[in-house]
C-alpha atoms as a PDB file:
ATOM      1  CA  MET A   1     113.373 125.370  67.013  1.00  0.00           C
ATOM      2  CA  THR A   2     116.122 128.631  67.220  1.00  0.00           C
ATOM      3  CA  ALA A   3     119.535 127.934  66.751  1.00  0.00           C
ATOM      4  CA  GLY A   4     119.824 128.974  70.695  1.00  0.00           C
ATOM      5  CA  ALA A   5     117.496 126.053  71.581  1.00  0.00           C
ATOM      6  CA  ALA A   6     119.171 123.566  69.201  1.00  0.00           C
ATOM      7  CA  ARG A   7     122.745 123.883  70.627  1.00  0.00           C
ATOM      8  CA  PRO A   8     121.601 122.260  73.918  1.00  0.00           C
ATOM      9  CA  LEU A   9     120.416 119.283  72.661  1.00  0.00           C
ATOM     10  CA  ALA A  10     123.541 118.973  69.997  1.00  0.00           C
ATOM     11  CA  ASP A  11     126.106 118.497  73.281  1.00  0.00           C
ATOM     12  CA  ALA A  12     123.909 116.897  75.164  1.00  0.00           C
ATOM     13  CA  ALA A  13     123.120 114.523  72.768  1.00  0.00           C
ATOM     14  CA  ARG A  14     126.941 114.313  71.540  1.00  0.00           C
ATOM     15  CA  ALA A  15     128.268 113.504  75.693  1.00  0.00           C
ATOM     16  CA  LEU A  16     125.698 110.913  75.587  1.00  0.00           C
ATOM     17  CA  ALA A  17     126.327 109.477  72.476  1.00  0.00           C
ATOM     18  CA  GLU A  18     130.008 108.745  72.955  1.00  0.00           C
ATOM     19  CA  ARG A  19     130.014 107.813  76.613  1.00  0.00           C
ATOM     20  CA  ALA A  20     127.213 105.380  76.415  1.00  0.00           C
ATOM     21  CA  PRO A  21     128.035 102.117  77.991  1.00  0.00           C
ATOM     22  CA  ARG A  22     127.983  98.920  76.850  1.00  0.00           C
ATOM     23  CA  ARG A  23     126.942  95.865  78.501  1.00  0.00           C
ATOM     24  CA  ALA A  24     129.611  94.679  79.332  1.00  0.00           C
ATOM     25  CA  ASP A  25     130.920  98.164  81.068  1.00  0.00           C
ATOM     26  CA  ILE A  26     127.399  97.475  83.203  1.00  0.00           C
ATOM     27  CA  GLU A  27     128.291  93.990  83.996  1.00  0.00           C
ATOM     28  CA  ALA A  28     131.613  94.500  84.897  1.00  0.00           C
ATOM     29  CA  PRO A  29     132.221  93.964  88.723  1.00  0.00           C
ATOM     30  CA  PHE A  30     132.293  97.217  90.875  1.00  0.00           C
ATOM     31  CA  ALA A  31     133.858  95.559  93.646  1.00  0.00           C
ATOM     32  CA  GLU A  32     137.165  95.834  92.003  1.00  0.00           C
ATOM     33  CA  VAL A  33     136.469  99.823  90.797  1.00  0.00           C
ATOM     34  CA  GLU A  34     135.606 100.174  94.977  1.00  0.00           C
ATOM     35  CA  ARG A  35     138.932  98.804  95.988  1.00  0.00           C
ATOM     36  CA  ALA A  36     140.745 100.837  93.313  1.00  0.00           C
ATOM     37  CA  ALA A  37     139.383 103.561  94.815  1.00  0.00           C
ATOM     38  CA  HIS A  38     139.783 103.389  98.376  1.00  0.00           C
ATOM     39  CA  ARG A  39     143.364 103.036  98.198  1.00  0.00           C
ATOM     40  CA  LEU A  40     143.637 106.036  96.017  1.00  0.00           C
ATOM     41  CA  VAL A  41     141.263 107.530  98.608  1.00  0.00           C
ATOM     42  CA  PRO A  42     140.897 105.929 102.088  1.00  0.00           C
ATOM     43  CA  GLU A  43     138.282 108.320 102.984  1.00  0.00           C
ATOM     44  CA  LEU A  44     136.117 106.546 100.450  1.00  0.00           C
ATOM     45  CA  ALA A  45     136.355 103.333 102.550  1.00  0.00           C
ATOM     46  CA  ALA A  46     134.852 105.707 105.906  1.00  0.00           C
ATOM     47  CA  LEU A  47     131.755 106.822 103.640  1.00  0.00           C
ATOM     48  CA  ARG A  48     130.719 102.862 102.566  1.00  0.00           C
ATOM     49  CA  PRO A  49     129.245 102.109 106.119  1.00  0.00           C
ATOM     50  CA  ALA A  50     126.856 105.236 105.324  1.00  0.00           C
ATOM     51  CA  VAL A  51     125.315 104.351 102.746  1.00  0.00           C
ATOM     52  CA  GLY A  52     123.203 101.150 102.176  1.00  0.00           C
ATOM     53  CA  ALA A  53     121.693  97.855 103.573  1.00  0.00           C
ATOM     54  CA  THR A  54     118.709 100.133 104.047  1.00  0.00           C
ATOM     55  CA  PRO A  55     115.710  98.232 105.127  1.00  0.00           C
ATOM     56  CA  MET A  56     112.153  97.150 103.567  1.00  0.00           C
ATOM     57  CA  THR A  57     109.072  97.004 104.799  1.00  0.00           C
ATOM     58  CA  ALA A  58     105.586  95.475 102.781  1.00  0.00           C
ATOM     59  CA  VAL A  59     102.922  97.349 103.096  1.00  0.00           C
ATOM     60  CA  PRO A  60      99.336  95.867 101.114  1.00  0.00           C
ATOM     61  CA  SER A  61      98.821  96.581  97.169  1.00  0.00           C
ATOM     62  CA  GLU A  62      96.354  99.489  96.314  1.00  0.00           C
ATOM     63  CA  LEU A  63      93.552  96.485  96.207  1.00  0.00           C
ATOM     64  CA  GLY A  64      94.720  94.332  98.740  1.00  0.00           C
ATOM     65  CA  ARG A  65      95.044  91.361  96.201  1.00  0.00           C
ATOM     66  CA  GLY A  66      98.747  91.122  96.746  1.00  0.00           C
ATOM     67  CA  ARG A  67     101.730  92.616  99.347  1.00  0.00           C
ATOM     68  CA  VAL A  68     104.507  95.180  97.812  1.00  0.00           C
ATOM     69  CA  TRP A  69     107.893  95.362  99.978  1.00  0.00           C
ATOM     70  CA  LEU A  70     109.108  98.845  99.620  1.00  0.00           C
ATOM     71  CA  LYS A  71     113.081  99.643  99.641  1.00  0.00           C
ATOM     72  CA  LEU A  72     113.344 102.480 101.683  1.00  0.00           C
ATOM     73  CA  GLU A  73     116.112 104.434 100.439  1.00  0.00           C
ATOM     74  CA  SER A  74     115.676 107.427 102.379  1.00  0.00           C
ATOM     75  CA  ALA A  75     117.934 105.801 105.114  1.00  0.00           C
ATOM     76  CA  ASN A  76     120.876 106.581 103.018  1.00  0.00           C
ATOM     77  CA  THR A  77     123.207 109.176 104.310  1.00  0.00           C
ATOM     78  CA  ALA A  78     122.007 112.434 102.520  1.00  0.00           C
ATOM     79  CA  GLY A  79     118.409 110.895 103.149  1.00  0.00           C
ATOM     80  CA  THR A  80     117.942 109.255  98.919  1.00  0.00           C
ATOM     81  CA  VAL A  81     118.895 106.284  97.014  1.00  0.00           C
ATOM     82  CA  LYS A  82     121.037 108.974  95.065  1.00  0.00           C
ATOM     83  CA  ALA A  83     123.769 108.348  98.360  1.00  0.00           C
ATOM     84  CA  ARG A  84     124.441 104.943  96.825  1.00  0.00           C
ATOM     85  CA  THR A  85     125.174 106.468  92.892  1.00  0.00           C
ATOM     86  CA  ALA A  86     126.732 109.445  94.091  1.00  0.00           C
ATOM     87  CA  TYR A  87     129.469 106.553  96.075  1.00  0.00           C
ATOM     88  CA  ALA A  88     130.094 105.049  92.777  1.00  0.00           C
ATOM     89  CA  LEU A  89     130.699 107.696  90.649  1.00  0.00           C
ATOM     90  CA  LEU A  90     132.687 109.060  92.937  1.00  0.00           C
ATOM     91  CA  CYS A  91     134.866 106.073  93.357  1.00  0.00           C
ATOM     92  CA  ALA A  92     134.770 105.398  89.211  1.00  0.00           C
ATOM     93  CA  ALA A  93     135.858 109.840  89.010  1.00  0.00           C
ATOM     94  CA  VAL A  94     139.065 108.651  91.159  1.00  0.00           C
ATOM     95  CA  ALA A  95     139.906 105.360  90.322  1.00  0.00           C
ATOM     96  CA  GLN A  96     139.560 106.406  86.488  1.00  0.00           C
ATOM     97  CA  ALA A  97     141.859 109.540  87.787  1.00  0.00           C
ATOM     98  CA  GLY A  98     144.182 107.179  89.655  1.00  0.00           C
ATOM     99  CA  SER A  99     144.382 110.365  92.283  1.00  0.00           C
ATOM    100  CA  ALA A 100     142.169 112.365  94.572  1.00  0.00           C
ATOM    101  CA  ARG A 101     143.306 115.308  93.283  1.00  0.00           C
ATOM    102  CA  VAL A 102     140.594 115.266  90.798  1.00  0.00           C
ATOM    103  CA  ARG A 103     138.131 118.358  89.619  1.00  0.00           C
ATOM    104  CA  ILE A 104     134.931 117.210  88.847  1.00  0.00           C
ATOM    105  CA  VAL A 105     131.304 118.630  87.066  1.00  0.00           C
ATOM    106  CA  GLU A 106     127.832 117.314  87.479  1.00  0.00           C
ATOM    107  CA  TYR A 107     124.263 118.259  86.315  1.00  0.00           C
ATOM    108  CA  SER A 108     121.323 117.271  88.908  1.00  0.00           C
ATOM    109  CA  GLY A 109     117.689 118.566  89.644  1.00  0.00           C
ATOM    110  CA  GLY A 110     118.478 117.677  93.065  1.00  0.00           C
ATOM    111  CA  SER A 111     119.036 114.566  95.289  1.00  0.00           C
ATOM    112  CA  LEU A 112     122.056 113.331  93.696  1.00  0.00           C
ATOM    113  CA  ALA A 113     123.696 116.937  93.746  1.00  0.00           C
ATOM    114  CA  LEU A 114     122.980 116.928  97.603  1.00  0.00           C
ATOM    115  CA  ALA A 115     124.782 113.298  98.115  1.00  0.00           C
ATOM    116  CA  LEU A 116     127.566 114.399  95.871  1.00  0.00           C
ATOM    117  CA  ALA A 117     128.237 117.892  97.897  1.00  0.00           C
ATOM    118  CA  GLU A 118     127.926 116.144 100.860  1.00  0.00           C
ATOM    119  CA  PHE A 119     130.463 113.588 100.328  1.00  0.00           C
ATOM    120  CA  CYS A 120     132.782 115.996  98.031  1.00  0.00           C
ATOM    121  CA  ALA A 121     132.550 118.029 101.088  1.00  0.00           C
ATOM    122  CA  LEU A 122     133.684 115.472 103.566  1.00  0.00           C
ATOM    123  CA  LEU A 123     136.690 114.195 100.800  1.00  0.00           C
ATOM    124  CA  GLY A 124     137.456 118.121  99.668  1.00  0.00           C
ATOM    125  CA  ILE A 125     137.043 117.136  96.654  1.00  0.00           C
ATOM    126  CA  ASP A 126     136.550 120.358  94.342  1.00  0.00           C
ATOM    127  CA  LEU A 127     132.762 119.963  92.756  1.00  0.00           C
ATOM    128  CA  ARG A 128     130.966 122.261  90.710  1.00  0.00           C
ATOM    129  CA  LEU A 129     127.068 121.801  90.186  1.00  0.00           C
ATOM    130  CA  VAL A 130     124.945 122.929  87.348  1.00  0.00           C
ATOM    131  CA  VAL A 131     120.590 122.621  88.188  1.00  0.00           C
ATOM    132  CA  PRO A 132     118.045 123.023  86.295  1.00  0.00           C
ATOM    133  CA  HIS A 133     117.030 126.863  85.776  1.00  0.00           C
ATOM    134  CA  GLY A 134     114.403 127.674  87.781  1.00  0.00           C
ATOM    135  CA  SER A 135     115.566 125.346  90.804  1.00  0.00           C
ATOM    136  CA  PRO A 136     114.617 126.031  94.247  1.00  0.00           C
ATOM    137  CA  GLU A 137     117.022 128.680  96.040  1.00  0.00           C
ATOM    138  CA  ARG A 138     116.841 126.469  99.042  1.00  0.00           C
ATOM    139  CA  LEU A 139     118.541 123.952  96.816  1.00  0.00           C
ATOM    140  CA  ARG A 140     121.431 125.826  95.945  1.00  0.00           C
ATOM    141  CA  ARG A 141     121.649 127.677  99.309  1.00  0.00           C
ATOM    142  CA  THR A 142     122.316 124.189 100.915  1.00  0.00           C
ATOM    143  CA  LEU A 143     124.627 123.239  98.271  1.00  0.00           C
ATOM    144  CA  ARG A 144     126.844 125.850  97.998  1.00  0.00           C
ATOM    145  CA  GLY A 145     126.612 125.219 102.007  1.00  0.00           C
ATOM    146  CA  HIS A 146     128.833 122.214 101.781  1.00  0.00           C
ATOM    147  CA  GLY A 147     131.309 124.259  99.806  1.00  0.00           C
ATOM    148  CA  ALA A 148     130.200 123.686  95.992  1.00  0.00           C
ATOM    149  CA  GLN A 149     130.744 125.798  93.305  1.00  0.00           C
ATOM    150  CA  VAL A 150     126.577 125.831  92.033  1.00  0.00           C
ATOM    151  CA  SER A 151     125.609 127.592  88.427  1.00  0.00           C
ATOM    152  CA  ALA A 152     122.215 126.841  86.319  1.00  0.00           C
ATOM    153  CA  GLY A 153     120.814 125.677  82.938  1.00  0.00           C
ATOM    154  CA  ARG A 154     119.737 128.281  80.640  1.00  0.00           C
ATOM    155  CA  PRO A 155     115.916 129.382  81.051  1.00  0.00           C
ATOM    156  CA  GLY A 156     113.652 127.238  78.693  1.00  0.00           C
ATOM    157  CA  THR A 157     116.127 123.817  78.508  1.00  0.00           C
ATOM    158  CA  GLY A 158     115.100 121.897  81.872  1.00  0.00           C
ATOM    159  CA  PHE A 159     117.470 119.362  83.639  1.00  0.00           C
ATOM    160  CA  LEU A 160     118.631 118.862  79.374  1.00  0.00           C
ATOM    161  CA  GLY A 161     119.726 122.134  79.854  1.00  0.00           C
ATOM    162  CA  ALA A 162     121.886 121.617  83.166  1.00  0.00           C
ATOM    163  CA  LEU A 163     123.735 118.837  81.506  1.00  0.00           C
ATOM    164  CA  ASP A 164     124.274 120.892  78.312  1.00  0.00           C
ATOM    165  CA  GLU A 165     125.945 123.318  80.538  1.00  0.00           C
ATOM    166  CA  ALA A 166     128.129 120.153  82.427  1.00  0.00           C
ATOM    167  CA  VAL A 167     129.243 119.490  79.560  1.00  0.00           C
ATOM    168  CA  ARG A 168     130.533 122.995  78.485  1.00  0.00           C
ATOM    169  CA  VAL A 169     131.804 123.759  82.107  1.00  0.00           C
ATOM    170  CA  ALA A 170     133.765 120.110  81.554  1.00  0.00           C
ATOM    171  CA  ALA A 171     135.517 121.179  78.731  1.00  0.00           C
ATOM    172  CA  ALA A 172     136.168 124.669  79.640  1.00  0.00           C
ATOM    173  CA  GLU A 173     137.130 124.489  83.127  1.00  0.00           C
ATOM    174  CA  GLU A 174     139.194 121.095  82.383  1.00  0.00           C
ATOM    175  CA  ARG A 175     136.754 119.178  84.980  1.00  0.00           C
ATOM    176  CA  TYR A 176     136.292 115.551  84.967  1.00  0.00           C
ATOM    177  CA  LEU A 177     132.335 115.039  83.586  1.00  0.00           C
ATOM    178  CA  LEU A 178     130.663 112.240  86.045  1.00  0.00           C
ATOM    179  CA  LEU A 179     127.464 112.059  83.554  1.00  0.00           C
ATOM    180  CA  GLN A 180     125.343 109.971  85.315  1.00  0.00           C
ATOM    181  CA  HIS A 181     123.181 109.264  82.443  1.00  0.00           C
ATOM    182  CA  CYS A 182     126.127 106.523  81.404  1.00  0.00           C
ATOM    183  CA  ALA A 183     127.554 105.925  84.484  1.00  0.00           C
ATOM    184  CA  ALA A 184     128.280 101.963  84.117  1.00  0.00           C
ATOM    185  CA  GLN A 185     129.509 101.687  87.330  1.00  0.00           C
ATOM    186  CA  ALA A 186     126.804 103.006  89.140  1.00  0.00           C
ATOM    187  CA  ALA A 187     124.348 100.423  87.659  1.00  0.00           C
ATOM    188  CA  ALA A 188     126.985  97.764  88.695  1.00  0.00           C
ATOM    189  CA  MET A 189     126.976  99.360  92.390  1.00  0.00           C
ATOM    190  CA  HIS A 190     123.032  98.671  92.557  1.00  0.00           C
ATOM    191  CA  ARG A 191     123.457  95.307  91.212  1.00  0.00           C
ATOM    192  CA  GLU A 192     125.826  94.187  93.826  1.00  0.00           C
ATOM    193  CA  HIS A 193     124.608  96.226  96.853  1.00  0.00           C
ATOM    194  CA  THR A 194     120.964  97.853  96.646  1.00  0.00           C
ATOM    195  CA  GLY A 195     119.564  94.720  94.307  1.00  0.00           C
ATOM    196  CA  ALA A 196     121.459  92.024  96.233  1.00  0.00           C
ATOM    197  CA  GLU A 197     120.245  93.343  99.674  1.00  0.00           C
ATOM    198  CA  ILE A 198     116.580  93.066  98.263  1.00  0.00           C
ATOM    199  CA  ALA A 199     117.289  89.975  96.823  1.00  0.00           C
ATOM    200  CA  GLU A 200     118.838  88.522 100.189  1.00  0.00           C
ATOM    201  CA  ARG A 201     115.882  89.962 102.562  1.00  0.00           C
ATOM    202  CA  LEU A 202     112.782  88.024  99.793  1.00  0.00           C
ATOM    203  CA  ALA A 203     114.593  85.042 100.099  1.00  0.00           C
ATOM    204  CA  ALA A 204     115.487  85.049 103.802  1.00  0.00           C
ATOM    205  CA  GLU A 205     111.013  85.672 104.197  1.00  0.00           C
ATOM    206  CA  GLY A 206     110.960  83.171 101.564  1.00  0.00           C
ATOM    207  CA  VAL A 207     109.084  85.748  99.149  1.00  0.00           C
ATOM    208  CA  THR A 208     109.481  84.663  95.091  1.00  0.00           C
ATOM    209  CA  PRO A 209     108.472  88.653  93.449  1.00  0.00           C
ATOM    210  CA  ALA A 210     106.360  88.648  90.709  1.00  0.00           C
ATOM    211  CA  VAL A 211     107.568  91.895  89.940  1.00  0.00           C
ATOM    212  CA  LEU A 212     109.778  94.981  90.681  1.00  0.00           C
ATOM    213  CA  ALA A 213     108.314  98.772  90.174  1.00  0.00           C
ATOM    214  CA  ALA A 214     111.312 101.576  89.969  1.00  0.00           C
ATOM    215  CA  CYS A 215     110.877 104.929  88.597  1.00  0.00           C
ATOM    216  CA  VAL A 216     113.231 106.259  86.376  1.00  0.00           C
ATOM    217  CA  GLY A 217     116.207 109.111  86.350  1.00  0.00           C
ATOM    218  CA  SER A 218     119.264 107.870  84.993  1.00  0.00           C
ATOM    219  CA  GLY A 219     117.927 104.093  84.802  1.00  0.00           C
ATOM    220  CA  GLY A 220     121.562 103.063  87.218  1.00  0.00           C
ATOM    221  CA  THR A 221     119.078 101.910  90.442  1.00  0.00           C
ATOM    222  CA  ALA A 222     116.435 100.570  87.965  1.00  0.00           C
ATOM    223  CA  LEU A 223     118.577  98.729  85.553  1.00  0.00           C
ATOM    224  CA  GLY A 224     120.951  97.554  88.494  1.00  0.00           C
ATOM    225  CA  VAL A 225     118.193  96.070  90.623  1.00  0.00           C
ATOM    226  CA  ALA A 226     116.435  94.018  87.727  1.00  0.00           C
ATOM    227  CA  LEU A 227     119.837  92.297  87.257  1.00  0.00           C
ATOM    228  CA  ALA A 228     120.496  91.114  90.177  1.00  0.00           C
ATOM    229  CA  LEU A 229     116.747  89.858  90.999  1.00  0.00           C
ATOM    230  CA  ARG A 230     116.542  88.244  87.800  1.00  0.00           C
ATOM    231  CA  GLU A 231     119.631  86.445  88.204  1.00  0.00           C
ATOM    232  CA  ARG A 232     118.031  85.140  91.396  1.00  0.00           C
ATOM    233  CA  TRP A 233     114.597  84.809  89.936  1.00  0.00           C
ATOM    234  CA  PRO A 234     114.145  84.306  86.200  1.00  0.00           C
ATOM    235  CA  ASP A 235     110.773  85.401  85.722  1.00  0.00           C
ATOM    236  CA  CYS A 236     110.647  88.111  87.840  1.00  0.00           C
ATOM    237  CA  GLY A 237     109.502  91.129  85.528  1.00  0.00           C
ATOM    238  CA  ALA A 238     110.757  94.355  85.764  1.00  0.00           C
ATOM    239  CA  LEU A 239     108.824  97.799  85.386  1.00  0.00           C
ATOM    240  CA  ALA A 240     110.779 100.923  84.500  1.00  0.00           C
ATOM    241  CA  VAL A 241     108.014 103.590  85.686  1.00  0.00           C
ATOM    242  CA  PHE A 242     107.948 107.011  84.183  1.00  0.00           C
ATOM    243  CA  PRO A 243     106.078 110.398  84.378  1.00  0.00           C
ATOM    244  CA  ALA A 244     103.137 110.393  81.993  1.00  0.00           C
ATOM    245  CA  GLU A 245     104.605 113.998  81.644  1.00  0.00           C
ATOM    246  CA  ALA A 246     107.656 113.087  80.471  1.00  0.00           C
ATOM    247  CA  PRO A 247     107.878 109.088  79.157  1.00  0.00           C
ATOM    248  CA  TYR A 248     110.547 107.105  78.147  1.00  0.00           C
ATOM    249  CA  GLY A 249     112.149 108.198  74.909  1.00  0.00           C
ATOM    250  CA  ASP A 250     109.817 112.024  75.046  1.00  0.00           C
ATOM    251  CA  PRO A 251     109.999 113.298  71.462  1.00  0.00           C
ATOM    252  CA  ALA A 252     109.108 116.372  73.563  1.00  0.00           C
ATOM    253  CA  PRO A 253     111.300 119.515  74.271  1.00  0.00           C
ATOM    254  CA  PRO A 254     112.269 119.736  78.010  1.00  0.00           C
ATOM    255  CA  ASP A 255     109.478 121.840  80.187  1.00  0.00           C
ATOM    256  CA  GLY A 256     108.899 123.112  83.792  1.00  0.00           C
ATOM    257  CA  THR A 257     105.584 120.900  83.595  1.00  0.00           C
ATOM    258  CA  PRO A 258     105.469 119.256  87.606  1.00  0.00           C
ATOM    259  CA  ARG A 259     106.084 115.448  87.596  1.00  0.00           C
ATOM    260  CA  MET A 260     107.825 112.835  89.958  1.00  0.00           C
ATOM    261  CA  ASN A 261     110.663 114.145  91.543  1.00  0.00           C
ATOM    262  CA  GLY A 262     113.993 112.900  89.868  1.00  0.00           C
ATOM    263  CA  THR A 263     112.716 111.442  87.083  1.00  0.00           C
ATOM    264  CA  GLY A 264     111.564 111.413  83.264  1.00  0.00           C
ATOM    265  CA  GLY A 265     112.214 111.026  79.566  1.00  0.00           C
ATOM    266  CA  LEU A 266     115.516 113.050  78.694  1.00  0.00           C
ATOM    267  CA  GLY A 267     113.358 114.595  75.766  1.00  0.00           C
ATOM    268  CA  HIS A 268     114.894 115.483  72.134  1.00  0.00           C
ATOM    269  CA  GLY A 269     113.739 111.664  71.970  1.00  0.00           C
ATOM    270  CA  LEU A 270     116.769 110.555  73.823  1.00  0.00           C
ATOM    271  CA  LEU A 271     116.646 107.732  75.497  1.00  0.00           C
ATOM    272  CA  GLN A 272     118.919 106.758  78.845  1.00  0.00           C
ATOM    273  CA  PRO A 273     122.075 104.806  77.458  1.00  0.00           C
ATOM    274  CA  LEU A 274     121.744 102.544  80.439  1.00  0.00           C
ATOM    275  CA  LEU A 275     118.448 101.277  79.865  1.00  0.00           C
ATOM    276  CA  ALA A 276     118.754 101.412  76.022  1.00  0.00           C
ATOM    277  CA  PRO A 277     120.547  98.605  75.629  1.00  0.00           C
ATOM    278  CA  TYR A 278     118.290  96.062  78.133  1.00  0.00           C
ATOM    279  CA  GLN A 279     114.996  98.077  76.924  1.00  0.00           C
ATOM    280  CA  GLU A 280     113.593  94.624  76.119  1.00  0.00           C
ATOM    281  CA  ARG A 281     113.957  93.460  79.795  1.00  0.00           C
ATOM    282  CA  PHE A 282     111.459  96.045  81.014  1.00  0.00           C
ATOM    283  CA  THR A 283     108.400  96.791  80.815  1.00  0.00           C
ATOM    284  CA  PHE A 284     107.396 101.107  80.735  1.00  0.00           C
ATOM    285  CA  ARG A 285     104.755 102.357  82.623  1.00  0.00           C
ATOM    286  CA  THR A 286     103.190 105.794  83.393  1.00  0.00           C
ATOM    287  CA  VAL A 287     102.152 107.523  86.192  1.00  0.00           C
ATOM    288  CA  ALA A 288     100.910 111.102  86.161  1.00  0.00           C
ATOM    289  CA  TYR A 289     102.119 113.147  89.022  1.00  0.00           C
ATOM    290  CA  PRO A 290      98.520 114.159  90.725  1.00  0.00           C
ATOM    291  CA  GLU A 291      98.077 110.087  91.042  1.00  0.00           C
ATOM    292  CA  ALA A 292     101.511 110.123  92.738  1.00  0.00           C
ATOM    293  CA  LEU A 293     100.808 112.756  95.171  1.00  0.00           C
ATOM    294  CA  ARG A 294      97.401 110.526  95.900  1.00  0.00           C
ATOM    295  CA  ALA A 295      99.636 107.726  96.582  1.00  0.00           C
ATOM    296  CA  MET A 296     102.087 109.706  98.744  1.00  0.00           C
ATOM    297  CA  ARG A 297      98.842 111.138 100.563  1.00  0.00           C
ATOM    298  CA  HIS A 298      97.777 107.460 100.733  1.00  0.00           C
ATOM    299  CA  LEU A 299     101.003 105.579 102.037  1.00  0.00           C
ATOM    300  CA  ARG A 300     100.993 108.473 104.897  1.00  0.00           C
ATOM    301  CA  SER A 301      97.695 108.140 105.870  1.00  0.00           C
ATOM    302  CA  ALA A 302      97.115 104.300 105.868  1.00  0.00           C
ATOM    303  CA  HIS A 303     100.917 103.351 106.794  1.00  0.00           C
ATOM    304  CA  GLY A 304     102.813 106.214 108.213  1.00  0.00           C
ATOM    305  CA  LEU A 305     105.304 106.310 106.077  1.00  0.00           C
ATOM    306  CA  ALA A 306     106.598 109.546 104.289  1.00  0.00           C
ATOM    307  CA  VAL A 307     108.073 108.037 100.714  1.00  0.00           C
ATOM    308  CA  SER A 308     108.545 110.653  97.300  1.00  0.00           C
ATOM    309  CA  SER A 309     106.268 111.155  94.710  1.00  0.00           C
ATOM    310  CA  SER A 310     108.511 108.435  92.643  1.00  0.00           C
ATOM    311  CA  GLY A 311     109.003 105.835  95.362  1.00  0.00           C
ATOM    312  CA  ALA A 312     104.796 106.295  95.387  1.00  0.00           C
ATOM    313  CA  GLY A 313     104.762 105.811  91.895  1.00  0.00           C
ATOM    314  CA  ALA A 314     107.002 102.657  91.817  1.00  0.00           C
ATOM    315  CA  TRP A 315     103.759 101.083  94.966  1.00  0.00           C
ATOM    316  CA  LEU A 316     101.481 102.506  92.685  1.00  0.00           C
ATOM    317  CA  GLN A 317     102.576 100.481  89.165  1.00  0.00           C
ATOM    318  CA  ALA A 318     103.488  97.369  91.451  1.00  0.00           C
ATOM    319  CA  SER A 319     100.399  97.017  93.070  1.00  0.00           C
ATOM    320  CA  ARG A 320      98.425  97.771  89.543  1.00  0.00           C
ATOM    321  CA  GLU A 321     100.508  94.818  88.405  1.00  0.00           C
ATOM    322  CA  LEU A 322      99.483  92.215  91.487  1.00  0.00           C
ATOM    323  CA  ASP A 323      96.155  93.644  91.827  1.00  0.00           C
ATOM    324  CA  HIS A 324      95.306  92.446  88.056  1.00  0.00           C
ATOM    325  CA  GLY A 325      96.382  88.813  88.356  1.00  0.00           C
ATOM    326  CA  PRO A 326      96.150  86.015  90.827  1.00  0.00           C
ATOM    327  CA  ALA A 327      95.903  86.984  94.212  1.00  0.00           C
ATOM    328  CA  GLY A 328      98.535  86.478  96.891  1.00  0.00           C
ATOM    329  CA  ARG A 329     101.748  87.535  95.048  1.00  0.00           C
ATOM    330  CA  GLU A 330     104.561  89.966  96.197  1.00  0.00           C
ATOM    331  CA  ALA A 331     106.181  92.399  94.340  1.00  0.00           C
ATOM    332  CA  VAL A 332     109.393  94.794  95.146  1.00  0.00           C
ATOM    333  CA  ALA A 333     109.008  98.900  94.737  1.00  0.00           C
ATOM    334  CA  VAL A 334     112.228 101.334  95.083  1.00  0.00           C
ATOM    335  CA  VAL A 335     111.312 104.083  97.196  1.00  0.00           C
ATOM    336  CA  ALA A 336     114.400 107.027  96.712  1.00  0.00           C
ATOM    337  CA  GLY A 337     113.665 109.384  99.351  1.00  0.00           C
ATOM    338  CA  ARG A 338     111.037 110.806 101.863  1.00  0.00           C
ATOM    339  CA  GLY A 339     110.259 113.148  99.139  1.00  0.00           C
ATOM    340  CA  THR A 340     110.628 116.765  98.765  1.00  0.00           C
ATOM    341  CA  ILE A 341     108.701 119.969 100.685  1.00  0.00           C
ATOM    342  CA  GLU A 342     107.561 120.968  97.326  1.00  0.00           C
ATOM    343  CA  GLU A 343     106.271 117.103  96.818  1.00  0.00           C
ATOM    344  CA  TRP A 344     104.288 117.524 100.111  1.00  0.00           C
ATOM    345  CA  ALA A 345     103.201 120.682  99.175  1.00  0.00           C
ATOM    346  CA  HIS A 346     102.163 119.793  96.410  1.00  0.00           C
ATOM    347  CA  ALA A 347     100.597 117.072  97.874  1.00  0.00           C
ATOM    348  CA  ALA A 348      98.739 118.793 100.595  1.00  0.00           C
ATOM    349  CA  GLY A 349      97.269 120.985  97.799  1.00  0.00           C
ATOM    350  CA  ASP A 350      96.267 118.530  95.095  1.00  0.00           C
END
């Protein structure tokens, strides 16, 4: 590895290590952070009704031996589960800064960037976003249209390169780095809201879930929901689903291999800091991109549901868990969004 290639690993790894959350951070109440942020920026409270309270629908598992309840996060504003994460990150940043006058930088492959750009435009917050090299120009135009400043990581460094560049920007421009992969408040928000919504609906339906399946990007959604469901149903399993092209703790350097959008191991053996303290509570599974694309097509043709590749991958792994056990069990799969233009183009051509 050349000196130039080593720098992104060193900078990104240092930031992840320095801000790695403890269990106590993750399990602390998000509601307290939220209240503090609302006092400082009342407009954040006005955003709250557009985040969460998303629907659930049940569909058969792949072989029909059980049912998978899909949590359809495309109903959030910005059309993605990352709207919840963006809201939590902004609450945490404002609460920590003690002021609305906070200048922010964050890295993202797409969904989180879109949600942050939309929210920061409404709140008047100065936002700088770093996307991976080679990200679609369509994405960059949309982000700039919301008033965000946009730059990219270096060629050949993938998502980790965007993180590395965001660390550099934070230091050079004295900006607050949100650092989604270490955001304890995001996991706490998903526990108190996303997971609680799922638990309430399942309980109302008389369902005892056998397993939760969620694809992992930063890990906050999977962890928060798993903690909420386990609190109510201690025997509920938890599947952390990764791309076969970039598994958990992937030792290879990041590359541009197509995979389920918004998911994957960081590369260079780095572990998601949110998941690492709880990894014994998860079963790690992988889904190859072509499998996810076929599952996308199936859910649309059989059930009229447009879901992201990661949502399709979560349904696929939940299905496999149900279909290889006693008939009649039920599971939950988190569906991050409807899928990007690029994903559906790949699905049509697969």
